[in-house]
Amino acid sequence: MKSAARLYAVQALFQMETSGQTVEAVTREFETHRFGATYEEGEFAEGDVDHFRAVVGGAVNWQAKIDQMTDRALVAAWPIDRIDPVLRALFRAAGAEIVDTATPPKVAITEYVDVAKAFFPDGKEPKFVNAVLDHMAREAKPEAF
């Protein structure tokens, strides 16, 4: 259920950025229309609502710090505002979990690499995500390594 919450958090953060919706509106929409919902296209997984809220809220509250950590993990030619918006949402969600929850950083990295694989099944992005998140986690919680 936490894995589904992570995927939903990345989607919610992406939606907030692209639509300009508030965190309250997006979380309400996801909790009402995504978590465990069934539609013609298929069934959405049930997710851990508390974890979803913690990740999305943490990403919003800690966005400046997370974006700075992400920038330091990227090469200078690729600041966070130049990367794919899905990856930006993923880095913010993962950064929030690394910075603001008790989830061990190595678990967070593994989980968000899996999220990257869901969005980019044939690309190089999962390896890129792994490298960036490893750098961010070592900066945020060096004692975990």
Protein backbone atom coordinates (compact mmCIF):
# COMPACT_ATOMS: atom_id res chain seq x y z
CA MET A 1 0.00 0.00 0.00
CA LYS A 2 2.94 2.36 0.58
CA SER A 3 4.25 1.60 -2.91
CA ALA A 4 0.92 2.67 -4.43
CA ALA A 5 0.94 5.78 -2.21
CA ARG A 6 4.38 6.70 -3.58
CA LEU A 7 3.21 6.34 -7.17
CA TYR A 8 0.12 8.44 -6.41
CA ALA A 9 2.29 11.06 -4.68
CA VAL A 10 4.45 11.47 -7.78
CA GLN A 11 1.32 11.77 -9.93
CA ALA A 12 -0.22 14.30 -7.53
CA LEU A 13 2.92 16.45 -7.45
CA PHE A 14 3.10 16.35 -11.25
CA GLN A 15 -0.56 17.36 -11.45
CA MET A 16 -0.03 20.22 -8.99
CA GLU A 17 2.85 21.59 -11.05
CA THR A 18 1.14 21.29 -14.43
CA SER A 19 -2.33 22.43 -13.38
CA GLY A 20 -1.58 24.93 -10.64
CA GLN A 21 -3.97 23.16 -8.26
CA THR A 22 -3.44 23.45 -4.52
CA VAL A 23 -2.14 20.60 -2.42
CA GLU A 24 -5.53 20.37 -0.71
CA ALA A 25 -7.44 20.05 -4.00
CA VAL A 26 -5.08 17.45 -5.42
CA THR A 27 -4.93 15.28 -2.31
CA ARG A 28 -8.73 15.38 -2.01
CA GLU A 29 -9.08 14.37 -5.68
CA PHE A 30 -6.64 11.48 -5.35
CA GLU A 31 -8.16 10.19 -2.13
CA THR A 32 -11.66 10.39 -3.59
CA HIS A 33 -11.11 9.26 -7.18
CA ARG A 34 -7.95 7.13 -7.26
CA PHE A 35 -7.39 5.15 -4.09
CA GLY A 36 -9.08 1.79 -4.74
CA ALA A 37 -11.42 3.20 -7.38
CA THR A 38 -12.72 1.07 -10.24
CA TYR A 39 -13.36 2.51 -13.70
CA GLU A 40 -13.90 1.09 -17.19
CA GLU A 41 -10.17 1.37 -17.86
CA GLY A 42 -9.39 -0.75 -14.82
CA GLU A 43 -8.92 -0.70 -11.11
CA PHE A 44 -6.67 1.64 -9.17
CA ALA A 45 -4.63 0.14 -6.35
CA GLU A 46 -5.51 0.87 -2.78
CA GLY A 47 -2.87 3.08 -1.19
CA ASP A 48 -1.73 4.10 2.26
CA VAL A 49 -3.50 7.46 2.62
CA ASP A 50 -1.39 8.58 5.59
CA HIS A 51 1.84 7.86 3.72
CA PHE A 52 0.51 9.63 0.62
CA ARG A 53 -0.35 12.71 2.67
CA ALA A 54 3.04 12.67 4.43
CA VAL A 55 4.96 12.47 1.15
CA VAL A 56 2.92 15.09 -0.71
CA GLY A 57 2.84 17.42 2.30
CA GLY A 58 6.54 16.95 2.91
CA ALA A 59 7.34 17.64 -0.74
CA VAL A 60 5.41 20.90 -0.57
CA ASN A 61 6.82 21.95 2.82
CA TRP A 62 10.41 21.02 2.01
CA GLN A 63 10.40 21.83 -1.72
CA ALA A 64 13.15 24.47 -1.61
CA LYS A 65 15.49 22.19 0.36
CA ILE A 66 14.67 19.18 -1.82
CA ASP A 67 15.17 21.14 -5.04
CA GLN A 68 18.54 22.41 -3.79
CA MET A 69 19.61 18.85 -2.92
CA THR A 70 18.46 17.69 -6.36
CA ASP A 71 20.36 20.51 -8.08
CA ARG A 72 23.54 19.49 -6.26
CA ALA A 73 23.03 15.89 -7.41
CA LEU A 74 22.55 16.93 -11.04
CA VAL A 75 25.28 18.23 -13.32
CA ALA A 76 25.45 22.02 -13.45
CA ALA A 77 24.11 22.05 -17.01
CA TRP A 78 20.88 20.40 -15.88
CA PRO A 79 19.24 22.32 -13.05
CA ILE A 80 16.01 20.86 -11.72
CA ASP A 81 13.82 23.22 -13.74
CA ARG A 82 15.24 21.75 -16.98
CA ILE A 83 14.49 18.10 -16.27
CA ASP A 84 11.34 16.19 -17.19
CA PRO A 85 8.42 17.25 -14.96
CA VAL A 86 7.68 13.61 -14.05
CA LEU A 87 11.24 13.21 -12.80
CA ARG A 88 11.02 16.52 -10.95
CA ALA A 89 7.86 15.29 -9.18
CA LEU A 90 9.57 11.99 -8.42
CA PHE A 91 12.64 13.69 -6.94
CA ARG A 92 10.40 15.90 -4.79
CA ALA A 93 8.38 12.94 -3.51
CA ALA A 94 11.48 10.86 -2.83
CA GLY A 95 13.26 13.83 -1.28
CA ALA A 96 10.33 14.39 1.05
CA GLU A 97 10.39 10.78 2.13
CA ILE A 98 14.15 10.85 2.68
CA VAL A 99 14.15 14.18 4.54
CA ASP A 100 10.86 14.07 6.43
CA THR A 101 9.96 10.44 7.27
CA ALA A 102 11.44 7.49 9.12
CA THR A 103 11.73 5.44 5.92
CA PRO A 104 15.32 4.19 5.59
CA PRO A 105 16.95 6.03 2.65
CA LYS A 106 17.92 2.81 0.89
CA VAL A 107 14.28 1.67 0.97
CA ALA A 108 13.12 5.02 -0.40
CA ILE A 109 15.67 4.84 -3.21
CA THR A 110 14.59 1.32 -4.20
CA GLU A 111 10.91 2.24 -4.09
CA TYR A 112 11.30 5.37 -6.22
CA VAL A 113 13.51 3.59 -8.75
CA ASP A 114 10.55 1.20 -9.13
CA VAL A 115 8.25 4.20 -9.63
CA ALA A 116 10.64 5.47 -12.31
CA LYS A 117 10.44 2.06 -14.01
CA ALA A 118 6.63 2.37 -14.05
CA PHE A 119 6.82 5.73 -15.83
CA PHE A 120 9.84 4.95 -18.03
CA PRO A 121 9.84 1.16 -18.58
CA ASP A 122 12.26 1.22 -21.53
CA GLY A 123 14.39 4.23 -20.71
CA LYS A 124 17.58 5.05 -18.88
CA GLU A 125 15.68 7.15 -16.34
CA PRO A 126 15.59 4.50 -13.55
CA LYS A 127 19.42 4.42 -13.46
CA PHE A 128 19.50 8.22 -13.48
CA VAL A 129 16.95 8.30 -10.63
CA ASN A 130 19.02 5.81 -8.65
CA ALA A 131 22.17 7.94 -8.98
CA VAL A 132 20.46 11.23 -8.10
CA LEU A 133 18.56 9.77 -5.13
CA ASP A 134 21.69 8.08 -3.82
CA HIS A 135 23.46 11.45 -3.84
CA MET A 136 20.49 13.18 -2.17
CA ALA A 137 20.15 10.51 0.52
CA ARG A 138 23.87 10.56 1.35
CA GLU A 139 23.63 14.33 1.79
CA ALA A 140 20.43 14.25 3.86
CA LYS A 141 21.20 11.19 6.02
CA PRO A 142 24.88 10.25 5.77
CA GLU A 143 24.60 8.13 8.91
CA ALA A 144 22.42 5.64 6.99
CA PHE A 145 25.32 4.69 4.71
